[in-house]
Amino acid sequence: MNVRVNNEYPYSNMFVIFKLYKPNAEIVIDTIQFQMADPNGALLGNGFSDVKESKLWLKENYIFDQAGKYKMTLEQAVRALGDVEGVPALNGISEVGLRIEKAE
């Protein structure tokens, strides 16, 4: 998952619910936490100024073991400290993308 974030992002981490729908109707669900800032609050990732890009691994060395169409979805699951409900939108996240890379 590629994420572009700027200094308006108010959290040090990000929780993502990743769902992979396989051709046989099986669904693989993972909730993954990503560290987005260091202990001093500086954003992690590559880039200049206040915009950083990060490459975050969702499924490392995953094998697509079935022929057919796969579907992937992402949902953010960030909550403010002490809140039960999740935040409706993540300020500071400008772009999110998925990419599949062949393992070496």
PDB file of N, CA and C in Angstrom:
ATOM      1  N   MET A   1       0.855  -1.157   0.000  1.00  0.00           N
ATOM      2  CA  MET A   1       0.000   0.000   0.000  1.00  0.00           C
ATOM      3  C   MET A   1       0.902   1.221   0.000  1.00  0.00           C
ATOM      4  N   ASN A   2       0.661   2.137  -0.912  1.00  0.00           N
ATOM      5  CA  ASN A   2       1.384   3.396  -0.950  1.00  0.00           C
ATOM      6  C   ASN A   2       0.516   4.471  -0.331  1.00  0.00           C
ATOM      7  N   VAL A   3       1.095   5.262   0.566  1.00  0.00           N
ATOM      8  CA  VAL A   3       0.360   6.315   1.255  1.00  0.00           C
ATOM      9  C   VAL A   3       1.148   7.615   1.150  1.00  0.00           C
ATOM     10  N   ARG A   4       0.442   8.676   0.795  1.00  0.00           N
ATOM     11  CA  ARG A   4       1.030  10.018   0.802  1.00  0.00           C
ATOM     12  C   ARG A   4       0.346  10.796   1.923  1.00  0.00           C
ATOM     13  N   VAL A   5       1.168  11.351   2.822  1.00  0.00           N
ATOM     14  CA  VAL A   5       0.657  12.022   4.024  1.00  0.00           C
ATOM     15  C   VAL A   5       1.399  13.341   4.214  1.00  0.00           C
ATOM     16  N   ASN A   6       0.707  14.305   4.837  1.00  0.00           N
ATOM     17  CA  ASN A   6       1.365  15.576   5.145  1.00  0.00           C
ATOM     18  C   ASN A   6       1.228  15.870   6.647  1.00  0.00           C
ATOM     19  N   ASN A   7       1.762  17.014   7.068  1.00  0.00           N
ATOM     20  CA  ASN A   7       1.814  17.347   8.492  1.00  0.00           C
ATOM     21  C   ASN A   7       0.451  17.574   9.135  1.00  0.00           C
ATOM     22  N   GLU A   8      -0.613  17.580   8.369  1.00  0.00           N
ATOM     23  CA  GLU A   8      -1.949  17.695   8.948  1.00  0.00           C
ATOM     24  C   GLU A   8      -2.430  16.367   9.543  1.00  0.00           C
ATOM     25  N   TYR A   9      -1.691  15.275   9.297  1.00  0.00           N
ATOM     26  CA  TYR A   9      -2.078  13.980   9.870  1.00  0.00           C
ATOM     27  C   TYR A   9      -1.816  14.036  11.376  1.00  0.00           C
ATOM     28  N   PRO A  10      -2.849  13.893  12.212  1.00  0.00           N
ATOM     29  CA  PRO A  10      -2.687  14.128  13.645  1.00  0.00           C
ATOM     30  C   PRO A  10      -2.275  12.915  14.485  1.00  0.00           C
ATOM     31  N   TYR A  11      -2.049  11.774  13.859  1.00  0.00           N
ATOM     32  CA  TYR A  11      -1.789  10.543  14.617  1.00  0.00           C
ATOM     33  C   TYR A  11      -0.376  10.030  14.341  1.00  0.00           C
ATOM     34  N   SER A  12       0.115   9.190  15.244  1.00  0.00           N
ATOM     35  CA  SER A  12       1.443   8.594  15.044  1.00  0.00           C
ATOM     36  C   SER A  12       1.352   7.229  14.363  1.00  0.00           C
ATOM     37  N   ASN A  13       0.136   6.705  14.236  1.00  0.00           N
ATOM     38  CA  ASN A  13      -0.035   5.407  13.587  1.00  0.00           C
ATOM     39  C   ASN A  13      -1.296   5.434  12.721  1.00  0.00           C
ATOM     40  N   MET A  14      -1.519   4.345  12.014  1.00  0.00           N
ATOM     41  CA  MET A  14      -2.718   4.203  11.201  1.00  0.00           C
ATOM     42  C   MET A  14      -3.123   2.730  11.222  1.00  0.00           C
ATOM     43  N   PHE A  15      -4.396   2.480  11.479  1.00  0.00           N
ATOM     44  CA  PHE A  15      -4.934   1.128  11.428  1.00  0.00           C
ATOM     45  C   PHE A  15      -5.720   0.969  10.136  1.00  0.00           C
ATOM     46  N   VAL A  16      -5.506  -0.146   9.454  1.00  0.00           N
ATOM     47  CA  VAL A  16      -6.170  -0.429   8.182  1.00  0.00           C
ATOM     48  C   VAL A  16      -6.769  -1.825   8.244  1.00  0.00           C
ATOM     49  N   ILE A  17      -8.008  -1.946   7.780  1.00  0.00           N
ATOM     50  CA  ILE A  17      -8.625  -3.269   7.616  1.00  0.00           C
ATOM     51  C   ILE A  17      -8.507  -3.615   6.137  1.00  0.00           C
ATOM     52  N   PHE A  18      -7.749  -4.656   5.852  1.00  0.00           N
ATOM     53  CA  PHE A  18      -7.502  -5.099   4.480  1.00  0.00           C
ATOM     54  C   PHE A  18      -8.305  -6.375   4.240  1.00  0.00           C
ATOM     55  N   LYS A  19      -9.092  -6.375   3.172  1.00  0.00           N
ATOM     56  CA  LYS A  19      -9.871  -7.569   2.804  1.00  0.00           C
ATOM     57  C   LYS A  19      -9.468  -8.013   1.411  1.00  0.00           C
ATOM     58  N   LEU A  20      -9.223  -9.307   1.291  1.00  0.00           N
ATOM     59  CA  LEU A  20      -8.887  -9.923   0.011  1.00  0.00           C
ATOM     60  C   LEU A  20      -9.967 -10.945  -0.300  1.00  0.00           C
ATOM     61  N   TYR A  21     -10.710 -10.684  -1.366  1.00  0.00           N
ATOM     62  CA  TYR A  21     -11.779 -11.575  -1.803  1.00  0.00           C
ATOM     63  C   TYR A  21     -11.207 -12.498  -2.865  1.00  0.00           C
ATOM     64  N   LYS A  22     -11.197 -13.798  -2.577  1.00  0.00           N
ATOM     65  CA  LYS A  22     -10.620 -14.778  -3.496  1.00  0.00           C
ATOM     66  C   LYS A  22     -11.682 -15.289  -4.476  1.00  0.00           C
ATOM     67  N   PRO A  23     -11.253 -15.879  -5.584  1.00  0.00           N
ATOM     68  CA  PRO A  23     -12.205 -16.357  -6.600  1.00  0.00           C
ATOM     69  C   PRO A  23     -13.224 -17.368  -6.081  1.00  0.00           C
ATOM     70  N   ASN A  24     -12.871 -18.146  -5.048  1.00  0.00           N
ATOM     71  CA  ASN A  24     -13.788 -19.156  -4.521  1.00  0.00           C
ATOM     72  C   ASN A  24     -14.724 -18.593  -3.444  1.00  0.00           C
ATOM     73  N   ALA A  25     -14.811 -17.265  -3.317  1.00  0.00           N
ATOM     74  CA  ALA A  25     -15.668 -16.543  -2.371  1.00  0.00           C
ATOM     75  C   ALA A  25     -15.100 -16.501  -0.948  1.00  0.00           C
ATOM     76  N   GLU A  26     -13.932 -17.078  -0.722  1.00  0.00           N
ATOM     77  CA  GLU A  26     -13.270 -16.970   0.573  1.00  0.00           C
ATOM     78  C   GLU A  26     -12.789 -15.517   0.746  1.00  0.00           C
ATOM     79  N   ILE A  27     -12.863 -15.029   1.975  1.00  0.00           N
ATOM     80  CA  ILE A  27     -12.406 -13.678   2.273  1.00  0.00           C
ATOM     81  C   ILE A  27     -11.318 -13.746   3.337  1.00  0.00           C
ATOM     82  N   VAL A  28     -10.184 -13.146   3.046  1.00  0.00           N
ATOM     83  CA  VAL A  28      -9.076 -13.055   3.994  1.00  0.00           C
ATOM     84  C   VAL A  28      -9.102 -11.635   4.553  1.00  0.00           C
ATOM     85  N   ILE A  29      -9.196 -11.501   5.886  1.00  0.00           N
ATOM     86  CA  ILE A  29      -9.297 -10.186   6.515  1.00  0.00           C
ATOM     87  C   ILE A  29      -8.139 -10.011   7.497  1.00  0.00           C
ATOM     88  N   ASP A  30      -7.454  -8.877   7.389  1.00  0.00           N
ATOM     89  CA  ASP A  30      -6.374  -8.530   8.311  1.00  0.00           C
ATOM     90  C   ASP A  30      -6.573  -7.102   8.796  1.00  0.00           C
ATOM     91  N   THR A  31      -6.350  -6.878  10.073  1.00  0.00           N
ATOM     92  CA  THR A  31      -6.273  -5.523  10.611  1.00  0.00           C
ATOM     93  C   THR A  31      -4.801  -5.270  10.893  1.00  0.00           C
ATOM     94  N   ILE A  32      -4.273  -4.228  10.257  1.00  0.00           N
ATOM     95  CA  ILE A  32      -2.837  -3.978  10.299  1.00  0.00           C
ATOM     96  C   ILE A  32      -2.591  -2.575  10.849  1.00  0.00           C
ATOM     97  N   GLN A  33      -1.596  -2.474  11.730  1.00  0.00           N
ATOM     98  CA  GLN A  33      -1.200  -1.175  12.264  1.00  0.00           C
ATOM     99  C   GLN A  33       0.106  -0.739  11.613  1.00  0.00           C
ATOM    100  N   PHE A  34       0.146   0.505  11.153  1.00  0.00           N
ATOM    101  CA  PHE A  34       1.350   1.063  10.566  1.00  0.00           C
ATOM    102  C   PHE A  34       1.820   2.238  11.409  1.00  0.00           C
ATOM    103  N   GLN A  35       3.115   2.302  11.677  1.00  0.00           N
ATOM    104  CA  GLN A  35       3.699   3.442  12.365  1.00  0.00           C
ATOM    105  C   GLN A  35       3.885   4.554  11.352  1.00  0.00           C
ATOM    106  N   MET A  36       3.332   5.727  11.600  1.00  0.00           N
ATOM    107  CA  MET A  36       3.364   6.838  10.653  1.00  0.00           C
ATOM    108  C   MET A  36       4.302   7.961  11.086  1.00  0.00           C
ATOM    109  N   ALA A  37       4.718   7.977  12.358  1.00  0.00           N
ATOM    110  CA  ALA A  37       5.591   9.033  12.861  1.00  0.00           C
ATOM    111  C   ALA A  37       6.553   8.452  13.893  1.00  0.00           C
ATOM    112  N   ASP A  38       7.689   9.125  14.041  1.00  0.00           N
ATOM    113  CA  ASP A  38       8.651   8.688  15.058  1.00  0.00           C
ATOM    114  C   ASP A  38       8.203   9.201  16.430  1.00  0.00           C
ATOM    115  N   PRO A  39       8.894   8.829  17.518  1.00  0.00           N
ATOM    116  CA  PRO A  39       8.471   9.257  18.864  1.00  0.00           C
ATOM    117  C   PRO A  39       8.404  10.783  19.051  1.00  0.00           C
ATOM    118  N   ASN A  40       9.142  11.527  18.241  1.00  0.00           N
ATOM    119  CA  ASN A  40       9.105  12.996  18.333  1.00  0.00           C
ATOM    120  C   ASN A  40       7.974  13.606  17.517  1.00  0.00           C
ATOM    121  N   GLY A  41       7.223  12.767  16.785  1.00  0.00           N
ATOM    122  CA  GLY A  41       6.105  13.258  15.990  1.00  0.00           C
ATOM    123  C   GLY A  41       6.439  13.559  14.541  1.00  0.00           C
ATOM    124  N   ALA A  42       7.689  13.363  14.134  1.00  0.00           N
ATOM    125  CA  ALA A  42       8.074  13.599  12.741  1.00  0.00           C
ATOM    126  C   ALA A  42       7.556  12.455  11.872  1.00  0.00           C
ATOM    127  N   LEU A  43       6.938  12.805  10.757  1.00  0.00           N
ATOM    128  CA  LEU A  43       6.388  11.790   9.859  1.00  0.00           C
ATOM    129  C   LEU A  43       7.480  10.898   9.298  1.00  0.00           C
ATOM    130  N   LEU A  44       7.178   9.612   9.181  1.00  0.00           N
ATOM    131  CA  LEU A  44       8.089   8.660   8.552  1.00  0.00           C
ATOM    132  C   LEU A  44       7.799   8.614   7.058  1.00  0.00           C
ATOM    133  N   GLY A  45       8.754   8.167   6.279  1.00  0.00           N
ATOM    134  CA  GLY A  45       8.569   8.031   4.841  1.00  0.00           C
ATOM    135  C   GLY A  45       9.585   8.847   4.073  1.00  0.00           C
ATOM    136  N   ASN A  46       9.439   8.832   2.771  1.00  0.00           N
ATOM    137  CA  ASN A  46      10.357   9.542   1.884  1.00  0.00           C
ATOM    138  C   ASN A  46       9.685  10.781   1.332  1.00  0.00           C
ATOM    139  N   GLY A  47      10.477  11.807   1.116  1.00  0.00           N
ATOM    140  CA  GLY A  47       9.944  13.015   0.516  1.00  0.00           C
ATOM    141  C   GLY A  47      10.538  14.257   1.126  1.00  0.00           C
ATOM    142  N   PHE A  48      10.273  15.368   0.464  1.00  0.00           N
ATOM    143  CA  PHE A  48      10.780  16.655   0.912  1.00  0.00           C
ATOM    144  C   PHE A  48       9.646  17.444   1.549  1.00  0.00           C
ATOM    145  N   SER A  49       9.999  18.426   2.313  1.00  0.00           N
ATOM    146  CA  SER A  49       9.067  19.323   2.993  1.00  0.00           C
ATOM    147  C   SER A  49       8.129  18.537   3.899  1.00  0.00           C
ATOM    148  N   ASP A  50       6.845  18.907   3.909  1.00  0.00           N
ATOM    149  CA  ASP A  50       5.922  18.271   4.849  1.00  0.00           C
ATOM    150  C   ASP A  50       5.137  17.114   4.242  1.00  0.00           C
ATOM    151  N   VAL A  51       5.447  16.702   3.013  1.00  0.00           N
ATOM    152  CA  VAL A  51       4.757  15.586   2.367  1.00  0.00           C
ATOM    153  C   VAL A  51       5.686  14.372   2.348  1.00  0.00           C
ATOM    154  N   LYS A  52       5.194  13.265   2.863  1.00  0.00           N
ATOM    155  CA  LYS A  52       5.973  12.017   2.912  1.00  0.00           C
ATOM    156  C   LYS A  52       5.197  10.902   2.226  1.00  0.00           C
ATOM    157  N   GLU A  53       5.931  10.051   1.551  1.00  0.00           N
ATOM    158  CA  GLU A  53       5.344   8.866   0.922  1.00  0.00           C
ATOM    159  C   GLU A  53       5.904   7.627   1.593  1.00  0.00           C
ATOM    160  N   SER A  54       5.026   6.690   1.890  1.00  0.00           N
ATOM    161  CA  SER A  54       5.433   5.451   2.538  1.00  0.00           C
ATOM    162  C   SER A  54       4.919   4.257   1.759  1.00  0.00           C
ATOM    163  N   LYS A  55       5.740   3.233   1.709  1.00  0.00           N
ATOM    164  CA  LYS A  55       5.366   1.949   1.122  1.00  0.00           C
ATOM    165  C   LYS A  55       5.143   1.002   2.300  1.00  0.00           C
ATOM    166  N   LEU A  56       3.895   0.612   2.499  1.00  0.00           N
ATOM    167  CA  LEU A  56       3.517  -0.197   3.656  1.00  0.00           C
ATOM    168  C   LEU A  56       3.069  -1.569   3.176  1.00  0.00           C
ATOM    169  N   TRP A  57       3.586  -2.610   3.783  1.00  0.00           N
ATOM    170  CA  TRP A  57       3.306  -3.980   3.348  1.00  0.00           C
ATOM    171  C   TRP A  57       2.012  -4.490   3.958  1.00  0.00           C
ATOM    172  N   LEU A  58       1.121  -4.967   3.100  1.00  0.00           N
ATOM    173  CA  LEU A  58      -0.134  -5.564   3.554  1.00  0.00           C
ATOM    174  C   LEU A  58      -0.013  -7.078   3.642  1.00  0.00           C
ATOM    175  N   LYS A  59       0.477  -7.703   2.600  1.00  0.00           N
ATOM    176  CA  LYS A  59       0.632  -9.162   2.541  1.00  0.00           C
ATOM    177  C   LYS A  59       1.981  -9.448   1.895  1.00  0.00           C
ATOM    178  N   GLU A  60       2.971  -9.721   2.699  1.00  0.00           N
ATOM    179  CA  GLU A  60       4.294  -9.990   2.148  1.00  0.00           C
ATOM    180  C   GLU A  60       4.409 -11.457   1.746  1.00  0.00           C
ATOM    181  N   ASN A  61       4.932 -11.704   0.548  1.00  0.00           N
ATOM    182  CA  ASN A  61       5.127 -13.050   0.001  1.00  0.00           C
ATOM    183  C   ASN A  61       3.825 -13.845  -0.117  1.00  0.00           C
ATOM    184  N   TYR A  62       2.728 -13.149  -0.362  1.00  0.00           N
ATOM    185  CA  TYR A  62       1.437 -13.817  -0.539  1.00  0.00           C
ATOM    186  C   TYR A  62       1.412 -14.528  -1.896  1.00  0.00           C
ATOM    187  N   ILE A  63       0.845 -15.716  -1.921  1.00  0.00           N
ATOM    188  CA  ILE A  63       0.736 -16.494  -3.160  1.00  0.00           C
ATOM    189  C   ILE A  63      -0.728 -16.510  -3.592  1.00  0.00           C
ATOM    190  N   PHE A  64      -0.982 -16.026  -4.793  1.00  0.00           N
ATOM    191  CA  PHE A  64      -2.326 -16.089  -5.371  1.00  0.00           C
ATOM    192  C   PHE A  64      -2.502 -17.518  -5.884  1.00  0.00           C
ATOM    193  N   ASP A  65      -3.135 -18.342  -5.067  1.00  0.00           N
ATOM    194  CA  ASP A  65      -3.162 -19.787  -5.313  1.00  0.00           C
ATOM    195  C   ASP A  65      -4.357 -20.261  -6.134  1.00  0.00           C
ATOM    196  N   GLN A  66      -5.197 -19.338  -6.582  1.00  0.00           N
ATOM    197  CA  GLN A  66      -6.367 -19.718  -7.368  1.00  0.00           C
ATOM    198  C   GLN A  66      -6.416 -18.873  -8.626  1.00  0.00           C
ATOM    199  N   ALA A  67      -6.823 -19.495  -9.713  1.00  0.00           N
ATOM    200  CA  ALA A  67      -7.042 -18.741 -10.946  1.00  0.00           C
ATOM    201  C   ALA A  67      -8.352 -17.979 -10.828  1.00  0.00           C
ATOM    202  N   GLY A  68      -8.420 -16.811 -11.399  1.00  0.00           N
ATOM    203  CA  GLY A  68      -9.649 -16.029 -11.373  1.00  0.00           C
ATOM    204  C   GLY A  68      -9.425 -14.623 -10.887  1.00  0.00           C
ATOM    205  N   LYS A  69     -10.528 -13.934 -10.632  1.00  0.00           N
ATOM    206  CA  LYS A  69     -10.477 -12.535 -10.218  1.00  0.00           C
ATOM    207  C   LYS A  69     -10.413 -12.419  -8.698  1.00  0.00           C
ATOM    208  N   TYR A  70      -9.517 -11.577  -8.245  1.00  0.00           N
ATOM    209  CA  TYR A  70      -9.396 -11.232  -6.838  1.00  0.00           C
ATOM    210  C   TYR A  70      -9.864  -9.788  -6.672  1.00  0.00           C
ATOM    211  N   LYS A  71     -10.399  -9.486  -5.513  1.00  0.00           N
ATOM    212  CA  LYS A  71     -10.805  -8.124  -5.196  1.00  0.00           C
ATOM    213  C   LYS A  71     -10.163  -7.758  -3.862  1.00  0.00           C
ATOM    214  N   MET A  72      -9.667  -6.527  -3.753  1.00  0.00           N
ATOM    215  CA  MET A  72      -9.051  -6.059  -2.515  1.00  0.00           C
ATOM    216  C   MET A  72      -9.725  -4.766  -2.085  1.00  0.00           C
ATOM    217  N   THR A  73      -9.972  -4.635  -0.782  1.00  0.00           N
ATOM    218  CA  THR A  73     -10.519  -3.396  -0.252  1.00  0.00           C
ATOM    219  C   THR A  73      -9.711  -2.964   0.964  1.00  0.00           C
ATOM    220  N   LEU A  74      -9.698  -1.660   1.197  1.00  0.00           N
ATOM    221  CA  LEU A  74      -9.048  -1.066   2.367  1.00  0.00           C
ATOM    222  C   LEU A  74     -10.057  -0.207   3.098  1.00  0.00           C
ATOM    223  N   GLU A  75      -9.979  -0.226   4.407  1.00  0.00           N
ATOM    224  CA  GLU A  75     -10.820   0.640   5.228  1.00  0.00           C
ATOM    225  C   GLU A  75      -9.968   1.109   6.400  1.00  0.00           C
ATOM    226  N   GLN A  76      -9.944   2.403   6.629  1.00  0.00           N
ATOM    227  CA  GLN A  76      -9.178   2.889   7.776  1.00  0.00           C
ATOM    228  C   GLN A  76      -9.978   2.632   9.044  1.00  0.00           C
ATOM    229  N   ALA A  77      -9.258   2.351  10.130  1.00  0.00           N
ATOM    230  CA  ALA A  77      -9.914   2.038  11.400  1.00  0.00           C
ATOM    231  C   ALA A  77      -9.264   2.809  12.548  1.00  0.00           C
ATOM    232  N   VAL A  78      -8.939   4.075  12.293  1.00  0.00           N
ATOM    233  CA  VAL A  78      -8.282   4.908  13.298  1.00  0.00           C
ATOM    234  C   VAL A  78      -9.327   5.469  14.256  1.00  0.00           C
ATOM    235  N   ARG A  79      -9.000   5.453  15.548  1.00  0.00           N
ATOM    236  CA  ARG A  79      -9.850   6.054  16.577  1.00  0.00           C
ATOM    237  C   ARG A  79      -9.015   7.039  17.388  1.00  0.00           C
ATOM    238  N   ALA A  80      -9.626   8.125  17.787  1.00  0.00           N
ATOM    239  CA  ALA A  80      -8.957   9.055  18.695  1.00  0.00           C
ATOM    240  C   ALA A  80      -8.835   8.394  20.058  1.00  0.00           C
ATOM    241  N   LEU A  81      -7.814   8.739  20.800  1.00  0.00           N
ATOM    242  CA  LEU A  81      -7.561   8.147  22.110  1.00  0.00           C
ATOM    243  C   LEU A  81      -8.783   8.294  23.010  1.00  0.00           C
ATOM    244  N   GLY A  82      -9.276   7.178  23.514  1.00  0.00           N
ATOM    245  CA  GLY A  82     -10.418   7.176  24.412  1.00  0.00           C
ATOM    246  C   GLY A  82     -11.775   7.123  23.728  1.00  0.00           C
ATOM    247  N   ASP A  83     -11.819   7.242  22.403  1.00  0.00           N
ATOM    248  CA  ASP A  83     -13.085   7.194  21.678  1.00  0.00           C
ATOM    249  C   ASP A  83     -13.408   5.774  21.231  1.00  0.00           C
ATOM    250  N   VAL A  84     -14.690   5.438  21.241  1.00  0.00           N
ATOM    251  CA  VAL A  84     -15.136   4.128  20.762  1.00  0.00           C
ATOM    252  C   VAL A  84     -15.336   4.169  19.250  1.00  0.00           C
ATOM    253  N   GLU A  85     -15.936   5.234  18.765  1.00  0.00           N
ATOM    254  CA  GLU A  85     -16.194   5.379  17.330  1.00  0.00           C
ATOM    255  C   GLU A  85     -14.912   5.778  16.605  1.00  0.00           C
ATOM    256  N   GLY A  86     -14.752   5.277  15.394  1.00  0.00           N
ATOM    257  CA  GLY A  86     -13.616   5.650  14.573  1.00  0.00           C
ATOM    258  C   GLY A  86     -13.779   7.051  14.003  1.00  0.00           C
ATOM    259  N   VAL A  87     -12.668   7.663  13.610  1.00  0.00           N
ATOM    260  CA  VAL A  87     -12.742   8.981  12.985  1.00  0.00           C
ATOM    261  C   VAL A  87     -13.300   8.812  11.575  1.00  0.00           C
ATOM    262  N   PRO A  88     -14.150   9.731  11.110  1.00  0.00           N
ATOM    263  CA  PRO A  88     -14.787   9.564   9.801  1.00  0.00           C
ATOM    264  C   PRO A  88     -13.839   9.771   8.620  1.00  0.00           C
ATOM    265  N   ALA A  89     -12.809  10.589   8.803  1.00  0.00           N
ATOM    266  CA  ALA A  89     -11.862  10.858   7.708  1.00  0.00           C
ATOM    267  C   ALA A  89     -10.485  11.119   8.311  1.00  0.00           C
ATOM    268  N   LEU A  90      -9.458  10.780   7.563  1.00  0.00           N
ATOM    269  CA  LEU A  90      -8.090  10.979   8.028  1.00  0.00           C
ATOM    270  C   LEU A  90      -7.512  12.237   7.390  1.00  0.00           C
ATOM    271  N   ASN A  91      -7.507  13.321   8.149  1.00  0.00           N
ATOM    272  CA  ASN A  91      -6.883  14.547   7.658  1.00  0.00           C
ATOM    273  C   ASN A  91      -5.400  14.296   7.406  1.00  0.00           C
ATOM    274  N   GLY A  92      -4.886  14.870   6.349  1.00  0.00           N
ATOM    275  CA  GLY A  92      -3.471  14.744   6.042  1.00  0.00           C
ATOM    276  C   GLY A  92      -3.132  13.595   5.110  1.00  0.00           C
ATOM    277  N   ILE A  93      -4.044  12.670   4.897  1.00  0.00           N
ATOM    278  CA  ILE A  93      -3.815  11.585   3.935  1.00  0.00           C
ATOM    279  C   ILE A  93      -4.354  12.085   2.593  1.00  0.00           C
ATOM    280  N   SER A  94      -3.459  12.271   1.625  1.00  0.00           N
ATOM    281  CA  SER A  94      -3.900  12.803   0.337  1.00  0.00           C
ATOM    282  C   SER A  94      -4.084  11.723  -0.714  1.00  0.00           C
ATOM    283  N   GLU A  95      -3.342  10.622  -0.595  1.00  0.00           N
ATOM    284  CA  GLU A  95      -3.457   9.551  -1.588  1.00  0.00           C
ATOM    285  C   GLU A  95      -3.160   8.199  -0.955  1.00  0.00           C
ATOM    286  N   VAL A  96      -3.883   7.198  -1.426  1.00  0.00           N
ATOM    287  CA  VAL A  96      -3.649   5.807  -1.037  1.00  0.00           C
ATOM    288  C   VAL A  96      -3.759   4.971  -2.297  1.00  0.00           C
ATOM    289  N   GLY A  97      -2.838   4.054  -2.470  1.00  0.00           N
ATOM    290  CA  GLY A  97      -2.886   3.184  -3.629  1.00  0.00           C
ATOM    291  C   GLY A  97      -2.420   1.788  -3.269  1.00  0.00           C
ATOM    292  N   LEU A  98      -2.836   0.833  -4.058  1.00  0.00           N
ATOM    293  CA  LEU A  98      -2.391  -0.552  -3.891  1.00  0.00           C
ATOM    294  C   LEU A  98      -1.518  -0.932  -5.066  1.00  0.00           C
ATOM    295  N   ARG A  99      -0.550  -1.759  -4.797  1.00  0.00           N
ATOM    296  CA  ARG A  99       0.300  -2.251  -5.874  1.00  0.00           C
ATOM    297  C   ARG A  99       0.717  -3.666  -5.538  1.00  0.00           C
ATOM    298  N   ILE A 100       0.808  -4.475  -6.567  1.00  0.00           N
ATOM    299  CA  ILE A 100       1.241  -5.860  -6.413  1.00  0.00           C
ATOM    300  C   ILE A 100       2.617  -5.980  -7.026  1.00  0.00           C
ATOM    301  N   GLU A 101       3.544  -6.515  -6.245  1.00  0.00           N
ATOM    302  CA  GLU A 101       4.922  -6.710  -6.704  1.00  0.00           C
ATOM    303  C   GLU A 101       5.269  -8.181  -6.643  1.00  0.00           C
ATOM    304  N   LYS A 102       6.005  -8.623  -7.616  1.00  0.00           N
ATOM    305  CA  LYS A 102       6.468 -10.004  -7.633  1.00  0.00           C
ATOM    306  C   LYS A 102       7.587 -10.174  -6.599  1.00  0.00           C
ATOM    307  N   ALA A 103       7.456 -11.202  -5.769  1.00  0.00           N
ATOM    308  CA  ALA A 103       8.472 -11.488  -4.751  1.00  0.00           C
ATOM    309  C   ALA A 103       9.716 -12.027  -5.419  1.00  0.00           C
ATOM    310  N   GLU A 104      10.843 -11.659  -4.865  1.00  0.00           N
ATOM    311  CA  GLU A 104      12.116 -12.135  -5.434  1.00  0.00           C
ATOM    312  C   GLU A 104      12.708 -13.239  -4.627  1.00  0.00           C
TER     313      GLU A 104
END
